Amino acid sequence: MSDPNTHQPVTSYFPSQMQNPNNPNGMLARSKELVPLKRGGEEEDAAGTAIWLASRAGSYVDGQVIPLSGGRDWGY
């Protein structure tokens, strides 16, 4: 059973140590062809989700996996 106050934002194509935005052959560079929104994620995308979950607006959300995937279905 999950904790009703625990949420799991799951990121996909975001700049990180594993996904170097300067690597032209990397998955982040290929996100334009792999993701329906035609771009990789940005810090503001993840921050906006965290702020929403921490605010009153997200107070009724409980124990969910929230994909930050640009519209690509990973089957969560």
N, C-alpha and C. Protein backbone atom coordinates (compact mmCIF):
# COMPACT_ATOMS: atom_id res chain seq x y z
N MET A 1 0.85 -1.17 0.00
CA MET A 1 0.00 0.00 0.00
C MET A 1 0.90 1.24 0.00
N SER A 2 0.54 2.22 -0.78
CA SER A 2 1.34 3.43 -0.82
C SER A 2 0.85 4.43 0.23
N ASP A 3 1.75 5.26 0.64
CA ASP A 3 1.42 6.34 1.56
C ASP A 3 0.57 7.35 0.79
N PRO A 4 -0.59 7.72 1.29
CA PRO A 4 -1.45 8.63 0.54
C PRO A 4 -0.84 10.02 0.32
N ASN A 5 0.21 10.36 1.04
CA ASN A 5 0.84 11.66 0.85
C ASN A 5 2.14 11.56 0.06
N THR A 6 2.42 10.41 -0.51
CA THR A 6 3.65 10.21 -1.28
C THR A 6 3.31 10.22 -2.76
N HIS A 7 4.01 11.04 -3.52
CA HIS A 7 3.81 11.12 -4.96
C HIS A 7 5.12 10.82 -5.64
N GLN A 8 5.06 10.36 -6.85
CA GLN A 8 6.26 10.02 -7.57
C GLN A 8 6.24 10.65 -8.96
N PRO A 9 6.77 11.87 -9.09
CA PRO A 9 6.94 12.41 -10.43
C PRO A 9 8.05 11.62 -11.14
N VAL A 10 7.77 11.15 -12.32
CA VAL A 10 8.73 10.34 -13.08
C VAL A 10 9.14 11.14 -14.31
N THR A 11 10.42 11.44 -14.40
CA THR A 11 10.91 12.21 -15.54
C THR A 11 11.43 11.28 -16.62
N SER A 12 11.37 11.74 -17.84
CA SER A 12 11.90 10.93 -18.95
C SER A 12 13.05 11.67 -19.60
N TYR A 13 12.81 12.51 -20.57
CA TYR A 13 13.86 13.19 -21.31
C TYR A 13 14.17 14.55 -20.70
N PHE A 14 14.94 14.55 -19.62
CA PHE A 14 15.38 15.76 -18.94
C PHE A 14 16.89 15.77 -18.89
N PRO A 15 17.52 16.94 -18.99
CA PRO A 15 18.97 17.00 -18.87
C PRO A 15 19.41 16.46 -17.50
N SER A 16 20.43 15.63 -17.51
CA SER A 16 20.97 15.06 -16.28
C SER A 16 22.37 14.54 -16.56
N GLN A 17 22.99 13.96 -15.56
CA GLN A 17 24.31 13.35 -15.77
C GLN A 17 24.21 12.18 -16.74
N MET A 18 23.07 11.52 -16.76
CA MET A 18 22.90 10.37 -17.66
C MET A 18 22.45 10.80 -19.05
N GLN A 19 21.84 11.95 -19.16
CA GLN A 19 21.34 12.42 -20.45
C GLN A 19 21.94 13.79 -20.74
N ASN A 20 23.12 13.78 -21.28
CA ASN A 20 23.86 14.99 -21.58
C ASN A 20 23.23 15.71 -22.78
N PRO A 21 22.78 16.95 -22.60
CA PRO A 21 22.15 17.66 -23.72
C PRO A 21 23.14 18.00 -24.84
N ASN A 22 24.43 17.90 -24.58
CA ASN A 22 25.44 18.22 -25.59
C ASN A 22 25.82 17.00 -26.45
N ASN A 23 25.28 15.84 -26.13
CA ASN A 23 25.58 14.63 -26.90
C ASN A 23 24.57 14.53 -28.05
N PRO A 24 25.01 14.75 -29.30
CA PRO A 24 24.07 14.74 -30.43
C PRO A 24 23.46 13.36 -30.70
N ASN A 25 24.04 12.30 -30.16
CA ASN A 25 23.51 10.95 -30.36
C ASN A 25 22.70 10.46 -29.16
N GLY A 26 22.59 11.29 -28.13
CA GLY A 26 21.90 10.88 -26.91
C GLY A 26 20.39 10.92 -27.05
N MET A 27 19.73 10.32 -26.08
CA MET A 27 18.27 10.25 -26.08
C MET A 27 17.65 11.64 -25.94
N LEU A 28 18.31 12.53 -25.20
CA LEU A 28 17.76 13.88 -25.04
C LEU A 28 17.73 14.61 -26.37
N ALA A 29 18.78 14.45 -27.15
CA ALA A 29 18.82 15.07 -28.47
C ALA A 29 17.76 14.46 -29.39
N ARG A 30 17.47 13.19 -29.20
CA ARG A 30 16.47 12.51 -30.03
C ARG A 30 15.05 12.74 -29.55
N SER A 31 14.87 13.45 -28.44
CA SER A 31 13.52 13.62 -27.88
C SER A 31 12.58 14.31 -28.86
N LYS A 32 13.10 15.12 -29.76
CA LYS A 32 12.22 15.79 -30.74
C LYS A 32 11.52 14.79 -31.64
N GLU A 33 12.12 13.66 -31.86
CA GLU A 33 11.47 12.64 -32.70
C GLU A 33 10.74 11.58 -31.87
N LEU A 34 11.05 11.49 -30.57
CA LEU A 34 10.47 10.45 -29.73
C LEU A 34 9.29 10.90 -28.88
N VAL A 35 9.19 12.20 -28.65
CA VAL A 35 8.20 12.74 -27.72
C VAL A 35 7.16 13.57 -28.48
N PRO A 36 5.87 13.35 -28.22
CA PRO A 36 4.83 14.11 -28.92
C PRO A 36 4.96 15.63 -28.81
N LEU A 37 5.47 16.15 -27.70
CA LEU A 37 5.63 17.60 -27.57
C LEU A 37 6.86 18.11 -28.31
N LYS A 38 7.62 17.20 -28.90
CA LYS A 38 8.78 17.54 -29.75
C LYS A 38 9.88 18.30 -29.03
N ARG A 39 10.07 18.01 -27.73
CA ARG A 39 11.16 18.62 -26.97
C ARG A 39 11.42 17.80 -25.72
N GLY A 40 12.61 17.99 -25.16
CA GLY A 40 12.91 17.39 -23.88
C GLY A 40 12.31 18.21 -22.75
N GLY A 41 12.31 17.64 -21.57
CA GLY A 41 11.78 18.36 -20.41
C GLY A 41 12.74 19.45 -19.96
N GLU A 42 12.21 20.41 -19.27
CA GLU A 42 12.99 21.52 -18.74
C GLU A 42 12.79 21.60 -17.23
N GLU A 43 13.69 22.27 -16.56
CA GLU A 43 13.61 22.39 -15.10
C GLU A 43 12.24 22.90 -14.66
N GLU A 44 11.69 23.85 -15.41
CA GLU A 44 10.40 24.44 -15.05
C GLU A 44 9.28 23.40 -15.09
N ASP A 45 9.40 22.41 -15.96
CA ASP A 45 8.37 21.37 -16.04
C ASP A 45 8.34 20.56 -14.75
N ALA A 46 9.51 20.15 -14.28
CA ALA A 46 9.58 19.37 -13.04
C ALA A 46 9.25 20.23 -11.83
N ALA A 47 9.75 21.46 -11.82
CA ALA A 47 9.49 22.36 -10.69
C ALA A 47 8.00 22.69 -10.59
N GLY A 48 7.37 22.91 -11.73
CA GLY A 48 5.94 23.22 -11.72
C GLY A 48 5.11 22.09 -11.14
N THR A 49 5.49 20.85 -11.46
CA THR A 49 4.78 19.69 -10.91
C THR A 49 4.97 19.61 -9.40
N ALA A 50 6.20 19.82 -8.95
CA ALA A 50 6.48 19.77 -7.51
C ALA A 50 5.74 20.87 -6.76
N ILE A 51 5.72 22.06 -7.33
CA ILE A 51 5.00 23.18 -6.69
C ILE A 51 3.51 22.89 -6.63
N TRP A 52 2.97 22.35 -7.72
CA TRP A 52 1.54 22.00 -7.73
C TRP A 52 1.22 20.96 -6.65
N LEU A 53 2.06 19.92 -6.54
CA LEU A 53 1.81 18.88 -5.54
C LEU A 53 1.92 19.42 -4.11
N ALA A 54 2.82 20.38 -3.90
CA ALA A 54 3.01 20.94 -2.57
C ALA A 54 1.96 22.01 -2.22
N SER A 55 1.21 22.45 -3.21
CA SER A 55 0.24 23.52 -2.98
C SER A 55 -1.14 22.97 -2.61
N ARG A 56 -2.02 23.85 -2.27
CA ARG A 56 -3.41 23.49 -1.99
C ARG A 56 -4.07 22.85 -3.21
N ALA A 57 -3.68 23.28 -4.39
CA ALA A 57 -4.27 22.74 -5.62
C ALA A 57 -4.00 21.25 -5.78
N GLY A 58 -2.88 20.75 -5.26
CA GLY A 58 -2.57 19.34 -5.37
C GLY A 58 -2.87 18.55 -4.11
N SER A 59 -3.57 19.14 -3.17
CA SER A 59 -3.78 18.49 -1.87
C SER A 59 -4.71 17.28 -1.92
N TYR A 60 -5.48 17.12 -2.97
CA TYR A 60 -6.40 15.99 -3.06
C TYR A 60 -5.82 14.83 -3.86
N VAL A 61 -4.62 15.00 -4.37
CA VAL A 61 -3.93 13.95 -5.12
C VAL A 61 -3.28 13.04 -4.09
N ASP A 62 -3.44 11.73 -4.25
CA ASP A 62 -2.87 10.83 -3.26
C ASP A 62 -2.14 9.66 -3.90
N GLY A 63 -0.89 9.48 -3.54
CA GLY A 63 -0.10 8.32 -3.90
C GLY A 63 -0.03 8.02 -5.39
N GLN A 64 0.17 9.00 -6.22
CA GLN A 64 0.14 8.80 -7.66
C GLN A 64 1.53 8.85 -8.28
N VAL A 65 1.69 8.13 -9.37
CA VAL A 65 2.86 8.27 -10.23
C VAL A 65 2.47 9.29 -11.29
N ILE A 66 3.23 10.36 -11.38
CA ILE A 66 2.90 11.45 -12.30
C ILE A 66 3.99 11.50 -13.37
N PRO A 67 3.68 11.00 -14.56
CA PRO A 67 4.71 11.00 -15.61
C PRO A 67 4.93 12.39 -16.20
N LEU A 68 6.19 12.80 -16.24
CA LEU A 68 6.59 14.03 -16.91
C LEU A 68 7.27 13.58 -18.18
N SER A 69 6.46 13.26 -19.17
CA SER A 69 6.96 12.54 -20.34
C SER A 69 6.75 13.26 -21.66
N GLY A 70 6.21 14.45 -21.63
CA GLY A 70 5.98 15.17 -22.88
C GLY A 70 4.92 14.52 -23.76
N GLY A 71 4.12 13.65 -23.17
CA GLY A 71 3.06 12.98 -23.91
C GLY A 71 3.40 11.58 -24.36
N ARG A 72 4.63 11.14 -24.15
CA ARG A 72 4.99 9.78 -24.52
C ARG A 72 4.49 8.82 -23.45
N ASP A 73 3.78 7.79 -23.85
CA ASP A 73 3.21 6.82 -22.92
C ASP A 73 4.23 5.74 -22.60
N TRP A 74 4.65 5.71 -21.35
CA TRP A 74 5.62 4.71 -20.90
C TRP A 74 4.91 3.55 -20.19
N GLY A 75 3.59 3.59 -20.10
CA GLY A 75 2.83 2.51 -19.49
C GLY A 75 2.91 2.48 -17.97
N TYR A 76 2.93 3.66 -17.32
CA TYR A 76 2.97 3.70 -15.85
C TYR A 76 1.65 3.24 -15.29
